[in-house]
Structure formats: C-alpha cells, structure tokens
Amino acid sequence: TQDQAEKFHRRLHNALLRAQTQSEP
C-alpha cells in the first residue's frame, strides 16, 4: 500500500538523519 511505502521512506530518511548527527561511526 501507499501507507507502507511512505512508512519505509520515513524510516530510511530518519536513519540517514541519525547517522548524520551521531558522534560515533
């Protein structure tokens, strides 16, 4: 469904943002 596709995209985007701001590798 569209909701599932959008849910995955949010998780992917949030994972990239966390990786950008975290101090550890």
PDBML (XML) file of the C-alpha atoms, coordinates in Angstrom:
<?xml version="1.0" encoding="UTF-8" ?>
<PDBx:datablock datablockName="MODEL"
   xmlns:PDBx="http://pdbml.pdb.org/schema/pdbx-v50.xsd"
   xmlns:xsi="http://www.w3.org/2001/XMLSchema-instance"
   xsi:schemaLocation="http://pdbml.pdb.org/schema/pdbx-v50.xsd pdbx-v50.xsd">
   <PDBx:atom_siteCategory>
      <PDBx:atom_site id="1">
         <PDBx:B_iso_or_equiv>0.00</PDBx:B_iso_or_equiv>
         <PDBx:Cartn_x>0.000</PDBx:Cartn_x>
         <PDBx:Cartn_y>0.000</PDBx:Cartn_y>
         <PDBx:Cartn_z>0.000</PDBx:Cartn_z>
         <PDBx:auth_asym_id>A</PDBx:auth_asym_id>
         <PDBx:auth_atom_id>CA</PDBx:auth_atom_id>
         <PDBx:auth_comp_id>THR</PDBx:auth_comp_id>
         <PDBx:auth_seq_id>1</PDBx:auth_seq_id>
         <PDBx:group_PDB>ATOM</PDBx:group_PDB>
         <PDBx:label_alt_id xsi:nil="true" />
         <PDBx:label_asym_id>A</PDBx:label_asym_id>
         <PDBx:label_atom_id>CA</PDBx:label_atom_id>
         <PDBx:label_comp_id>THR</PDBx:label_comp_id>
         <PDBx:label_entity_id>1</PDBx:label_entity_id>
         <PDBx:label_seq_id>1</PDBx:label_seq_id>
         <PDBx:occupancy>1.00</PDBx:occupancy>
         <PDBx:pdbx_PDB_model_num>1</PDBx:pdbx_PDB_model_num>
         <PDBx:type_symbol>C</PDBx:type_symbol>
      </PDBx:atom_site>
      <PDBx:atom_site id="2">
         <PDBx:B_iso_or_equiv>0.00</PDBx:B_iso_or_equiv>
         <PDBx:Cartn_x>0.932</PDBx:Cartn_x>
         <PDBx:Cartn_y>3.656</PDBx:Cartn_y>
         <PDBx:Cartn_z>-0.279</PDBx:Cartn_z>
         <PDBx:auth_asym_id>A</PDBx:auth_asym_id>
         <PDBx:auth_atom_id>CA</PDBx:auth_atom_id>
         <PDBx:auth_comp_id>GLN</PDBx:auth_comp_id>
         <PDBx:auth_seq_id>2</PDBx:auth_seq_id>
         <PDBx:group_PDB>ATOM</PDBx:group_PDB>
         <PDBx:label_alt_id xsi:nil="true" />
         <PDBx:label_asym_id>A</PDBx:label_asym_id>
         <PDBx:label_atom_id>CA</PDBx:label_atom_id>
         <PDBx:label_comp_id>GLN</PDBx:label_comp_id>
         <PDBx:label_entity_id>1</PDBx:label_entity_id>
         <PDBx:label_seq_id>2</PDBx:label_seq_id>
         <PDBx:occupancy>1.00</PDBx:occupancy>
         <PDBx:pdbx_PDB_model_num>1</PDBx:pdbx_PDB_model_num>
         <PDBx:type_symbol>C</PDBx:type_symbol>
      </PDBx:atom_site>
      <PDBx:atom_site id="3">
         <PDBx:B_iso_or_equiv>0.00</PDBx:B_iso_or_equiv>
         <PDBx:Cartn_x>0.983</PDBx:Cartn_x>
         <PDBx:Cartn_y>3.952</PDBx:Cartn_y>
         <PDBx:Cartn_z>3.523</PDBx:Cartn_z>
         <PDBx:auth_asym_id>A</PDBx:auth_asym_id>
         <PDBx:auth_atom_id>CA</PDBx:auth_atom_id>
         <PDBx:auth_comp_id>ASP</PDBx:auth_comp_id>
         <PDBx:auth_seq_id>3</PDBx:auth_seq_id>
         <PDBx:group_PDB>ATOM</PDBx:group_PDB>
         <PDBx:label_alt_id xsi:nil="true" />
         <PDBx:label_asym_id>A</PDBx:label_asym_id>
         <PDBx:label_atom_id>CA</PDBx:label_atom_id>
         <PDBx:label_comp_id>ASP</PDBx:label_comp_id>
         <PDBx:label_entity_id>1</PDBx:label_entity_id>
         <PDBx:label_seq_id>3</PDBx:label_seq_id>
         <PDBx:occupancy>1.00</PDBx:occupancy>
         <PDBx:pdbx_PDB_model_num>1</PDBx:pdbx_PDB_model_num>
         <PDBx:type_symbol>C</PDBx:type_symbol>
      </PDBx:atom_site>
      <PDBx:atom_site id="4">
         <PDBx:B_iso_or_equiv>0.00</PDBx:B_iso_or_equiv>
         <PDBx:Cartn_x>3.549</PDBx:Cartn_x>
         <PDBx:Cartn_y>1.142</PDBx:Cartn_y>
         <PDBx:Cartn_z>3.782</PDBx:Cartn_z>
         <PDBx:auth_asym_id>A</PDBx:auth_asym_id>
         <PDBx:auth_atom_id>CA</PDBx:auth_atom_id>
         <PDBx:auth_comp_id>GLN</PDBx:auth_comp_id>
         <PDBx:auth_seq_id>4</PDBx:auth_seq_id>
         <PDBx:group_PDB>ATOM</PDBx:group_PDB>
         <PDBx:label_alt_id xsi:nil="true" />
         <PDBx:label_asym_id>A</PDBx:label_asym_id>
         <PDBx:label_atom_id>CA</PDBx:label_atom_id>
         <PDBx:label_comp_id>GLN</PDBx:label_comp_id>
         <PDBx:label_entity_id>1</PDBx:label_entity_id>
         <PDBx:label_seq_id>4</PDBx:label_seq_id>
         <PDBx:occupancy>1.00</PDBx:occupancy>
         <PDBx:pdbx_PDB_model_num>1</PDBx:pdbx_PDB_model_num>
         <PDBx:type_symbol>C</PDBx:type_symbol>
      </PDBx:atom_site>
      <PDBx:atom_site id="5">
         <PDBx:B_iso_or_equiv>0.00</PDBx:B_iso_or_equiv>
         <PDBx:Cartn_x>5.732</PDBx:Cartn_x>
         <PDBx:Cartn_y>2.697</PDBx:Cartn_y>
         <PDBx:Cartn_z>1.079</PDBx:Cartn_z>
         <PDBx:auth_asym_id>A</PDBx:auth_asym_id>
         <PDBx:auth_atom_id>CA</PDBx:auth_atom_id>
         <PDBx:auth_comp_id>ALA</PDBx:auth_comp_id>
         <PDBx:auth_seq_id>5</PDBx:auth_seq_id>
         <PDBx:group_PDB>ATOM</PDBx:group_PDB>
         <PDBx:label_alt_id xsi:nil="true" />
         <PDBx:label_asym_id>A</PDBx:label_asym_id>
         <PDBx:label_atom_id>CA</PDBx:label_atom_id>
         <PDBx:label_comp_id>ALA</PDBx:label_comp_id>
         <PDBx:label_entity_id>1</PDBx:label_entity_id>
         <PDBx:label_seq_id>5</PDBx:label_seq_id>
         <PDBx:occupancy>1.00</PDBx:occupancy>
         <PDBx:pdbx_PDB_model_num>1</PDBx:pdbx_PDB_model_num>
         <PDBx:type_symbol>C</PDBx:type_symbol>
      </PDBx:atom_site>
      <PDBx:atom_site id="6">
         <PDBx:B_iso_or_equiv>0.00</PDBx:B_iso_or_equiv>
         <PDBx:Cartn_x>5.652</PDBx:Cartn_x>
         <PDBx:Cartn_y>6.066</PDBx:Cartn_y>
         <PDBx:Cartn_z>2.825</PDBx:Cartn_z>
         <PDBx:auth_asym_id>A</PDBx:auth_asym_id>
         <PDBx:auth_atom_id>CA</PDBx:auth_atom_id>
         <PDBx:auth_comp_id>GLU</PDBx:auth_comp_id>
         <PDBx:auth_seq_id>6</PDBx:auth_seq_id>
         <PDBx:group_PDB>ATOM</PDBx:group_PDB>
         <PDBx:label_alt_id xsi:nil="true" />
         <PDBx:label_asym_id>A</PDBx:label_asym_id>
         <PDBx:label_atom_id>CA</PDBx:label_atom_id>
         <PDBx:label_comp_id>GLU</PDBx:label_comp_id>
         <PDBx:label_entity_id>1</PDBx:label_entity_id>
         <PDBx:label_seq_id>6</PDBx:label_seq_id>
         <PDBx:occupancy>1.00</PDBx:occupancy>
         <PDBx:pdbx_PDB_model_num>1</PDBx:pdbx_PDB_model_num>
         <PDBx:type_symbol>C</PDBx:type_symbol>
      </PDBx:atom_site>
      <PDBx:atom_site id="7">
         <PDBx:B_iso_or_equiv>0.00</PDBx:B_iso_or_equiv>
         <PDBx:Cartn_x>6.384</PDBx:Cartn_x>
         <PDBx:Cartn_y>4.412</PDBx:Cartn_y>
         <PDBx:Cartn_z>6.175</PDBx:Cartn_z>
         <PDBx:auth_asym_id>A</PDBx:auth_asym_id>
         <PDBx:auth_atom_id>CA</PDBx:auth_atom_id>
         <PDBx:auth_comp_id>LYS</PDBx:auth_comp_id>
         <PDBx:auth_seq_id>7</PDBx:auth_seq_id>
         <PDBx:group_PDB>ATOM</PDBx:group_PDB>
         <PDBx:label_alt_id xsi:nil="true" />
         <PDBx:label_asym_id>A</PDBx:label_asym_id>
         <PDBx:label_atom_id>CA</PDBx:label_atom_id>
         <PDBx:label_comp_id>LYS</PDBx:label_comp_id>
         <PDBx:label_entity_id>1</PDBx:label_entity_id>
         <PDBx:label_seq_id>7</PDBx:label_seq_id>
         <PDBx:occupancy>1.00</PDBx:occupancy>
         <PDBx:pdbx_PDB_model_num>1</PDBx:pdbx_PDB_model_num>
         <PDBx:type_symbol>C</PDBx:type_symbol>
      </PDBx:atom_site>
      <PDBx:atom_site id="8">
         <PDBx:B_iso_or_equiv>0.00</PDBx:B_iso_or_equiv>
         <PDBx:Cartn_x>9.524</PDBx:Cartn_x>
         <PDBx:Cartn_y>2.804</PDBx:Cartn_y>
         <PDBx:Cartn_z>4.781</PDBx:Cartn_z>
         <PDBx:auth_asym_id>A</PDBx:auth_asym_id>
         <PDBx:auth_atom_id>CA</PDBx:auth_atom_id>
         <PDBx:auth_comp_id>PHE</PDBx:auth_comp_id>
         <PDBx:auth_seq_id>8</PDBx:auth_seq_id>
         <PDBx:group_PDB>ATOM</PDBx:group_PDB>
         <PDBx:label_alt_id xsi:nil="true" />
         <PDBx:label_asym_id>A</PDBx:label_asym_id>
         <PDBx:label_atom_id>CA</PDBx:label_atom_id>
         <PDBx:label_comp_id>PHE</PDBx:label_comp_id>
         <PDBx:label_entity_id>1</PDBx:label_entity_id>
         <PDBx:label_seq_id>8</PDBx:label_seq_id>
         <PDBx:occupancy>1.00</PDBx:occupancy>
         <PDBx:pdbx_PDB_model_num>1</PDBx:pdbx_PDB_model_num>
         <PDBx:type_symbol>C</PDBx:type_symbol>
      </PDBx:atom_site>
      <PDBx:atom_site id="9">
         <PDBx:B_iso_or_equiv>0.00</PDBx:B_iso_or_equiv>
         <PDBx:Cartn_x>10.668</PDBx:Cartn_x>
         <PDBx:Cartn_y>6.086</PDBx:Cartn_y>
         <PDBx:Cartn_z>3.258</PDBx:Cartn_z>
         <PDBx:auth_asym_id>A</PDBx:auth_asym_id>
         <PDBx:auth_atom_id>CA</PDBx:auth_atom_id>
         <PDBx:auth_comp_id>HIS</PDBx:auth_comp_id>
         <PDBx:auth_seq_id>9</PDBx:auth_seq_id>
         <PDBx:group_PDB>ATOM</PDBx:group_PDB>
         <PDBx:label_alt_id xsi:nil="true" />
         <PDBx:label_asym_id>A</PDBx:label_asym_id>
         <PDBx:label_atom_id>CA</PDBx:label_atom_id>
         <PDBx:label_comp_id>HIS</PDBx:label_comp_id>
         <PDBx:label_entity_id>1</PDBx:label_entity_id>
         <PDBx:label_seq_id>9</PDBx:label_seq_id>
         <PDBx:occupancy>1.00</PDBx:occupancy>
         <PDBx:pdbx_PDB_model_num>1</PDBx:pdbx_PDB_model_num>
         <PDBx:type_symbol>C</PDBx:type_symbol>
      </PDBx:atom_site>
      <PDBx:atom_site id="10">
         <PDBx:B_iso_or_equiv>0.00</PDBx:B_iso_or_equiv>
         <PDBx:Cartn_x>10.272</PDBx:Cartn_x>
         <PDBx:Cartn_y>7.855</PDBx:Cartn_y>
         <PDBx:Cartn_z>6.618</PDBx:Cartn_z>
         <PDBx:auth_asym_id>A</PDBx:auth_asym_id>
         <PDBx:auth_atom_id>CA</PDBx:auth_atom_id>
         <PDBx:auth_comp_id>ARG</PDBx:auth_comp_id>
         <PDBx:auth_seq_id>10</PDBx:auth_seq_id>
         <PDBx:group_PDB>ATOM</PDBx:group_PDB>
         <PDBx:label_alt_id xsi:nil="true" />
         <PDBx:label_asym_id>A</PDBx:label_asym_id>
         <PDBx:label_atom_id>CA</PDBx:label_atom_id>
         <PDBx:label_comp_id>ARG</PDBx:label_comp_id>
         <PDBx:label_entity_id>1</PDBx:label_entity_id>
         <PDBx:label_seq_id>10</PDBx:label_seq_id>
         <PDBx:occupancy>1.00</PDBx:occupancy>
         <PDBx:pdbx_PDB_model_num>1</PDBx:pdbx_PDB_model_num>
         <PDBx:type_symbol>C</PDBx:type_symbol>
      </PDBx:atom_site>
      <PDBx:atom_site id="11">
         <PDBx:B_iso_or_equiv>0.00</PDBx:B_iso_or_equiv>
         <PDBx:Cartn_x>12.330</PDBx:Cartn_x>
         <PDBx:Cartn_y>5.163</PDBx:Cartn_y>
         <PDBx:Cartn_z>8.329</PDBx:Cartn_z>
         <PDBx:auth_asym_id>A</PDBx:auth_asym_id>
         <PDBx:auth_atom_id>CA</PDBx:auth_atom_id>
         <PDBx:auth_comp_id>ARG</PDBx:auth_comp_id>
         <PDBx:auth_seq_id>11</PDBx:auth_seq_id>
         <PDBx:group_PDB>ATOM</PDBx:group_PDB>
         <PDBx:label_alt_id xsi:nil="true" />
         <PDBx:label_asym_id>A</PDBx:label_asym_id>
         <PDBx:label_atom_id>CA</PDBx:label_atom_id>
         <PDBx:label_comp_id>ARG</PDBx:label_comp_id>
         <PDBx:label_entity_id>1</PDBx:label_entity_id>
         <PDBx:label_seq_id>11</PDBx:label_seq_id>
         <PDBx:occupancy>1.00</PDBx:occupancy>
         <PDBx:pdbx_PDB_model_num>1</PDBx:pdbx_PDB_model_num>
         <PDBx:type_symbol>C</PDBx:type_symbol>
      </PDBx:atom_site>
      <PDBx:atom_site id="12">
         <PDBx:B_iso_or_equiv>0.00</PDBx:B_iso_or_equiv>
         <PDBx:Cartn_x>15.041</PDBx:Cartn_x>
         <PDBx:Cartn_y>5.418</PDBx:Cartn_y>
         <PDBx:Cartn_z>5.681</PDBx:Cartn_z>
         <PDBx:auth_asym_id>A</PDBx:auth_asym_id>
         <PDBx:auth_atom_id>CA</PDBx:auth_atom_id>
         <PDBx:auth_comp_id>LEU</PDBx:auth_comp_id>
         <PDBx:auth_seq_id>12</PDBx:auth_seq_id>
         <PDBx:group_PDB>ATOM</PDBx:group_PDB>
         <PDBx:label_alt_id xsi:nil="true" />
         <PDBx:label_asym_id>A</PDBx:label_asym_id>
         <PDBx:label_atom_id>CA</PDBx:label_atom_id>
         <PDBx:label_comp_id>LEU</PDBx:label_comp_id>
         <PDBx:label_entity_id>1</PDBx:label_entity_id>
         <PDBx:label_seq_id>12</PDBx:label_seq_id>
         <PDBx:occupancy>1.00</PDBx:occupancy>
         <PDBx:pdbx_PDB_model_num>1</PDBx:pdbx_PDB_model_num>
         <PDBx:type_symbol>C</PDBx:type_symbol>
      </PDBx:atom_site>
      <PDBx:atom_site id="13">
         <PDBx:B_iso_or_equiv>0.00</PDBx:B_iso_or_equiv>
         <PDBx:Cartn_x>15.137</PDBx:Cartn_x>
         <PDBx:Cartn_y>9.210</PDBx:Cartn_y>
         <PDBx:Cartn_z>5.901</PDBx:Cartn_z>
         <PDBx:auth_asym_id>A</PDBx:auth_asym_id>
         <PDBx:auth_atom_id>CA</PDBx:auth_atom_id>
         <PDBx:auth_comp_id>HIS</PDBx:auth_comp_id>
         <PDBx:auth_seq_id>13</PDBx:auth_seq_id>
         <PDBx:group_PDB>ATOM</PDBx:group_PDB>
         <PDBx:label_alt_id xsi:nil="true" />
         <PDBx:label_asym_id>A</PDBx:label_asym_id>
         <PDBx:label_atom_id>CA</PDBx:label_atom_id>
         <PDBx:label_comp_id>HIS</PDBx:label_comp_id>
         <PDBx:label_entity_id>1</PDBx:label_entity_id>
         <PDBx:label_seq_id>13</PDBx:label_seq_id>
         <PDBx:occupancy>1.00</PDBx:occupancy>
         <PDBx:pdbx_PDB_model_num>1</PDBx:pdbx_PDB_model_num>
         <PDBx:type_symbol>C</PDBx:type_symbol>
      </PDBx:atom_site>
      <PDBx:atom_site id="14">
         <PDBx:B_iso_or_equiv>0.00</PDBx:B_iso_or_equiv>
         <PDBx:Cartn_x>15.272</PDBx:Cartn_x>
         <PDBx:Cartn_y>9.138</PDBx:Cartn_y>
         <PDBx:Cartn_z>9.710</PDBx:Cartn_z>
         <PDBx:auth_asym_id>A</PDBx:auth_asym_id>
         <PDBx:auth_atom_id>CA</PDBx:auth_atom_id>
         <PDBx:auth_comp_id>ASN</PDBx:auth_comp_id>
         <PDBx:auth_seq_id>14</PDBx:auth_seq_id>
         <PDBx:group_PDB>ATOM</PDBx:group_PDB>
         <PDBx:label_alt_id xsi:nil="true" />
         <PDBx:label_asym_id>A</PDBx:label_asym_id>
         <PDBx:label_atom_id>CA</PDBx:label_atom_id>
         <PDBx:label_comp_id>ASN</PDBx:label_comp_id>
         <PDBx:label_entity_id>1</PDBx:label_entity_id>
         <PDBx:label_seq_id>14</PDBx:label_seq_id>
         <PDBx:occupancy>1.00</PDBx:occupancy>
         <PDBx:pdbx_PDB_model_num>1</PDBx:pdbx_PDB_model_num>
         <PDBx:type_symbol>C</PDBx:type_symbol>
      </PDBx:atom_site>
      <PDBx:atom_site id="15">
         <PDBx:B_iso_or_equiv>0.00</PDBx:B_iso_or_equiv>
         <PDBx:Cartn_x>18.081</PDBx:Cartn_x>
         <PDBx:Cartn_y>6.569</PDBx:Cartn_y>
         <PDBx:Cartn_z>9.637</PDBx:Cartn_z>
         <PDBx:auth_asym_id>A</PDBx:auth_asym_id>
         <PDBx:auth_atom_id>CA</PDBx:auth_atom_id>
         <PDBx:auth_comp_id>ALA</PDBx:auth_comp_id>
         <PDBx:auth_seq_id>15</PDBx:auth_seq_id>
         <PDBx:group_PDB>ATOM</PDBx:group_PDB>
         <PDBx:label_alt_id xsi:nil="true" />
         <PDBx:label_asym_id>A</PDBx:label_asym_id>
         <PDBx:label_atom_id>CA</PDBx:label_atom_id>
         <PDBx:label_comp_id>ALA</PDBx:label_comp_id>
         <PDBx:label_entity_id>1</PDBx:label_entity_id>
         <PDBx:label_seq_id>15</PDBx:label_seq_id>
         <PDBx:occupancy>1.00</PDBx:occupancy>
         <PDBx:pdbx_PDB_model_num>1</PDBx:pdbx_PDB_model_num>
         <PDBx:type_symbol>C</PDBx:type_symbol>
      </PDBx:atom_site>
      <PDBx:atom_site id="16">
         <PDBx:B_iso_or_equiv>0.00</PDBx:B_iso_or_equiv>
         <PDBx:Cartn_x>20.117</PDBx:Cartn_x>
         <PDBx:Cartn_y>8.870</PDBx:Cartn_y>
         <PDBx:Cartn_z>7.386</PDBx:Cartn_z>
         <PDBx:auth_asym_id>A</PDBx:auth_asym_id>
         <PDBx:auth_atom_id>CA</PDBx:auth_atom_id>
         <PDBx:auth_comp_id>LEU</PDBx:auth_comp_id>
         <PDBx:auth_seq_id>16</PDBx:auth_seq_id>
         <PDBx:group_PDB>ATOM</PDBx:group_PDB>
         <PDBx:label_alt_id xsi:nil="true" />
         <PDBx:label_asym_id>A</PDBx:label_asym_id>
         <PDBx:label_atom_id>CA</PDBx:label_atom_id>
         <PDBx:label_comp_id>LEU</PDBx:label_comp_id>
         <PDBx:label_entity_id>1</PDBx:label_entity_id>
         <PDBx:label_seq_id>16</PDBx:label_seq_id>
         <PDBx:occupancy>1.00</PDBx:occupancy>
         <PDBx:pdbx_PDB_model_num>1</PDBx:pdbx_PDB_model_num>
         <PDBx:type_symbol>C</PDBx:type_symbol>
      </PDBx:atom_site>
      <PDBx:atom_site id="17">
         <PDBx:B_iso_or_equiv>0.00</PDBx:B_iso_or_equiv>
         <PDBx:Cartn_x>19.463</PDBx:Cartn_x>
         <PDBx:Cartn_y>11.867</PDBx:Cartn_y>
         <PDBx:Cartn_z>9.664</PDBx:Cartn_z>
         <PDBx:auth_asym_id>A</PDBx:auth_asym_id>
         <PDBx:auth_atom_id>CA</PDBx:auth_atom_id>
         <PDBx:auth_comp_id>LEU</PDBx:auth_comp_id>
         <PDBx:auth_seq_id>17</PDBx:auth_seq_id>
         <PDBx:group_PDB>ATOM</PDBx:group_PDB>
         <PDBx:label_alt_id xsi:nil="true" />
         <PDBx:label_asym_id>A</PDBx:label_asym_id>
         <PDBx:label_atom_id>CA</PDBx:label_atom_id>
         <PDBx:label_comp_id>LEU</PDBx:label_comp_id>
         <PDBx:label_entity_id>1</PDBx:label_entity_id>
         <PDBx:label_seq_id>17</PDBx:label_seq_id>
         <PDBx:occupancy>1.00</PDBx:occupancy>
         <PDBx:pdbx_PDB_model_num>1</PDBx:pdbx_PDB_model_num>
         <PDBx:type_symbol>C</PDBx:type_symbol>
      </PDBx:atom_site>
      <PDBx:atom_site id="18">
         <PDBx:B_iso_or_equiv>0.00</PDBx:B_iso_or_equiv>
         <PDBx:Cartn_x>20.556</PDBx:Cartn_x>
         <PDBx:Cartn_y>9.899</PDBx:Cartn_y>
         <PDBx:Cartn_z>12.748</PDBx:Cartn_z>
         <PDBx:auth_asym_id>A</PDBx:auth_asym_id>
         <PDBx:auth_atom_id>CA</PDBx:auth_atom_id>
         <PDBx:auth_comp_id>ARG</PDBx:auth_comp_id>
         <PDBx:auth_seq_id>18</PDBx:auth_seq_id>
         <PDBx:group_PDB>ATOM</PDBx:group_PDB>
         <PDBx:label_alt_id xsi:nil="true" />
         <PDBx:label_asym_id>A</PDBx:label_asym_id>
         <PDBx:label_atom_id>CA</PDBx:label_atom_id>
         <PDBx:label_comp_id>ARG</PDBx:label_comp_id>
         <PDBx:label_entity_id>1</PDBx:label_entity_id>
         <PDBx:label_seq_id>18</PDBx:label_seq_id>
         <PDBx:occupancy>1.00</PDBx:occupancy>
         <PDBx:pdbx_PDB_model_num>1</PDBx:pdbx_PDB_model_num>
         <PDBx:type_symbol>C</PDBx:type_symbol>
      </PDBx:atom_site>
      <PDBx:atom_site id="19">
         <PDBx:B_iso_or_equiv>0.00</PDBx:B_iso_or_equiv>
         <PDBx:Cartn_x>23.728</PDBx:Cartn_x>
         <PDBx:Cartn_y>8.787</PDBx:Cartn_y>
         <PDBx:Cartn_z>11.022</PDBx:Cartn_z>
         <PDBx:auth_asym_id>A</PDBx:auth_asym_id>
         <PDBx:auth_atom_id>CA</PDBx:auth_atom_id>
         <PDBx:auth_comp_id>ALA</PDBx:auth_comp_id>
         <PDBx:auth_seq_id>19</PDBx:auth_seq_id>
         <PDBx:group_PDB>ATOM</PDBx:group_PDB>
         <PDBx:label_alt_id xsi:nil="true" />
         <PDBx:label_asym_id>A</PDBx:label_asym_id>
         <PDBx:label_atom_id>CA</PDBx:label_atom_id>
         <PDBx:label_comp_id>ALA</PDBx:label_comp_id>
         <PDBx:label_entity_id>1</PDBx:label_entity_id>
         <PDBx:label_seq_id>19</PDBx:label_seq_id>
         <PDBx:occupancy>1.00</PDBx:occupancy>
         <PDBx:pdbx_PDB_model_num>1</PDBx:pdbx_PDB_model_num>
         <PDBx:type_symbol>C</PDBx:type_symbol>
      </PDBx:atom_site>
      <PDBx:atom_site id="20">
         <PDBx:B_iso_or_equiv>0.00</PDBx:B_iso_or_equiv>
         <PDBx:Cartn_x>24.467</PDBx:Cartn_x>
         <PDBx:Cartn_y>12.377</PDBx:Cartn_y>
         <PDBx:Cartn_z>10.018</PDBx:Cartn_z>
         <PDBx:auth_asym_id>A</PDBx:auth_asym_id>
         <PDBx:auth_atom_id>CA</PDBx:auth_atom_id>
         <PDBx:auth_comp_id>GLN</PDBx:auth_comp_id>
         <PDBx:auth_seq_id>20</PDBx:auth_seq_id>
         <PDBx:group_PDB>ATOM</PDBx:group_PDB>
         <PDBx:label_alt_id xsi:nil="true" />
         <PDBx:label_asym_id>A</PDBx:label_asym_id>
         <PDBx:label_atom_id>CA</PDBx:label_atom_id>
         <PDBx:label_comp_id>GLN</PDBx:label_comp_id>
         <PDBx:label_entity_id>1</PDBx:label_entity_id>
         <PDBx:label_seq_id>20</PDBx:label_seq_id>
         <PDBx:occupancy>1.00</PDBx:occupancy>
         <PDBx:pdbx_PDB_model_num>1</PDBx:pdbx_PDB_model_num>
         <PDBx:type_symbol>C</PDBx:type_symbol>
      </PDBx:atom_site>
      <PDBx:atom_site id="21">
         <PDBx:B_iso_or_equiv>0.00</PDBx:B_iso_or_equiv>
         <PDBx:Cartn_x>24.185</PDBx:Cartn_x>
         <PDBx:Cartn_y>13.778</PDBx:Cartn_y>
         <PDBx:Cartn_z>13.549</PDBx:Cartn_z>
         <PDBx:auth_asym_id>A</PDBx:auth_asym_id>
         <PDBx:auth_atom_id>CA</PDBx:auth_atom_id>
         <PDBx:auth_comp_id>THR</PDBx:auth_comp_id>
         <PDBx:auth_seq_id>21</PDBx:auth_seq_id>
         <PDBx:group_PDB>ATOM</PDBx:group_PDB>
         <PDBx:label_alt_id xsi:nil="true" />
         <PDBx:label_asym_id>A</PDBx:label_asym_id>
         <PDBx:label_atom_id>CA</PDBx:label_atom_id>
         <PDBx:label_comp_id>THR</PDBx:label_comp_id>
         <PDBx:label_entity_id>1</PDBx:label_entity_id>
         <PDBx:label_seq_id>21</PDBx:label_seq_id>
         <PDBx:occupancy>1.00</PDBx:occupancy>
         <PDBx:pdbx_PDB_model_num>1</PDBx:pdbx_PDB_model_num>
         <PDBx:type_symbol>C</PDBx:type_symbol>
      </PDBx:atom_site>
      <PDBx:atom_site id="22">
         <PDBx:B_iso_or_equiv>0.00</PDBx:B_iso_or_equiv>
         <PDBx:Cartn_x>25.619</PDBx:Cartn_x>
         <PDBx:Cartn_y>10.967</PDBx:Cartn_y>
         <PDBx:Cartn_z>15.692</PDBx:Cartn_z>
         <PDBx:auth_asym_id>A</PDBx:auth_asym_id>
         <PDBx:auth_atom_id>CA</PDBx:auth_atom_id>
         <PDBx:auth_comp_id>GLN</PDBx:auth_comp_id>
         <PDBx:auth_seq_id>22</PDBx:auth_seq_id>
         <PDBx:group_PDB>ATOM</PDBx:group_PDB>
         <PDBx:label_alt_id xsi:nil="true" />
         <PDBx:label_asym_id>A</PDBx:label_asym_id>
         <PDBx:label_atom_id>CA</PDBx:label_atom_id>
         <PDBx:label_comp_id>GLN</PDBx:label_comp_id>
         <PDBx:label_entity_id>1</PDBx:label_entity_id>
         <PDBx:label_seq_id>22</PDBx:label_seq_id>
         <PDBx:occupancy>1.00</PDBx:occupancy>
         <PDBx:pdbx_PDB_model_num>1</PDBx:pdbx_PDB_model_num>
         <PDBx:type_symbol>C</PDBx:type_symbol>
      </PDBx:atom_site>
      <PDBx:atom_site id="23">
         <PDBx:B_iso_or_equiv>0.00</PDBx:B_iso_or_equiv>
         <PDBx:Cartn_x>29.146</PDBx:Cartn_x>
         <PDBx:Cartn_y>11.295</PDBx:Cartn_y>
         <PDBx:Cartn_z>17.028</PDBx:Cartn_z>
         <PDBx:auth_asym_id>A</PDBx:auth_asym_id>
         <PDBx:auth_atom_id>CA</PDBx:auth_atom_id>
         <PDBx:auth_comp_id>SER</PDBx:auth_comp_id>
         <PDBx:auth_seq_id>23</PDBx:auth_seq_id>
         <PDBx:group_PDB>ATOM</PDBx:group_PDB>
         <PDBx:label_alt_id xsi:nil="true" />
         <PDBx:label_asym_id>A</PDBx:label_asym_id>
         <PDBx:label_atom_id>CA</PDBx:label_atom_id>
         <PDBx:label_comp_id>SER</PDBx:label_comp_id>
         <PDBx:label_entity_id>1</PDBx:label_entity_id>
         <PDBx:label_seq_id>23</PDBx:label_seq_id>
         <PDBx:occupancy>1.00</PDBx:occupancy>
         <PDBx:pdbx_PDB_model_num>1</PDBx:pdbx_PDB_model_num>
         <PDBx:type_symbol>C</PDBx:type_symbol>
      </PDBx:atom_site>
      <PDBx:atom_site id="24">
         <PDBx:B_iso_or_equiv>0.00</PDBx:B_iso_or_equiv>
         <PDBx:Cartn_x>30.085</PDBx:Cartn_x>
         <PDBx:Cartn_y>7.612</PDBx:Cartn_y>
         <PDBx:Cartn_z>16.705</PDBx:Cartn_z>
         <PDBx:auth_asym_id>A</PDBx:auth_asym_id>
         <PDBx:auth_atom_id>CA</PDBx:auth_atom_id>
         <PDBx:auth_comp_id>GLU</PDBx:auth_comp_id>
         <PDBx:auth_seq_id>24</PDBx:auth_seq_id>
         <PDBx:group_PDB>ATOM</PDBx:group_PDB>
         <PDBx:label_alt_id xsi:nil="true" />
         <PDBx:label_asym_id>A</PDBx:label_asym_id>
         <PDBx:label_atom_id>CA</PDBx:label_atom_id>
         <PDBx:label_comp_id>GLU</PDBx:label_comp_id>
         <PDBx:label_entity_id>1</PDBx:label_entity_id>
         <PDBx:label_seq_id>24</PDBx:label_seq_id>
         <PDBx:occupancy>1.00</PDBx:occupancy>
         <PDBx:pdbx_PDB_model_num>1</PDBx:pdbx_PDB_model_num>
         <PDBx:type_symbol>C</PDBx:type_symbol>
      </PDBx:atom_site>
      <PDBx:atom_site id="25">
         <PDBx:B_iso_or_equiv>0.00</PDBx:B_iso_or_equiv>
         <PDBx:Cartn_x>30.748</PDBx:Cartn_x>
         <PDBx:Cartn_y>5.859</PDBx:Cartn_y>
         <PDBx:Cartn_z>13.363</PDBx:Cartn_z>
         <PDBx:auth_asym_id>A</PDBx:auth_asym_id>
         <PDBx:auth_atom_id>CA</PDBx:auth_atom_id>
         <PDBx:auth_comp_id>PRO</PDBx:auth_comp_id>
         <PDBx:auth_seq_id>25</PDBx:auth_seq_id>
         <PDBx:group_PDB>ATOM</PDBx:group_PDB>
         <PDBx:label_alt_id xsi:nil="true" />
         <PDBx:label_asym_id>A</PDBx:label_asym_id>
         <PDBx:label_atom_id>CA</PDBx:label_atom_id>
         <PDBx:label_comp_id>PRO</PDBx:label_comp_id>
         <PDBx:label_entity_id>1</PDBx:label_entity_id>
         <PDBx:label_seq_id>25</PDBx:label_seq_id>
         <PDBx:occupancy>1.00</PDBx:occupancy>
         <PDBx:pdbx_PDB_model_num>1</PDBx:pdbx_PDB_model_num>
         <PDBx:type_symbol>C</PDBx:type_symbol>
      </PDBx:atom_site>
   </PDBx:atom_siteCategory>
</PDBx:datablock>
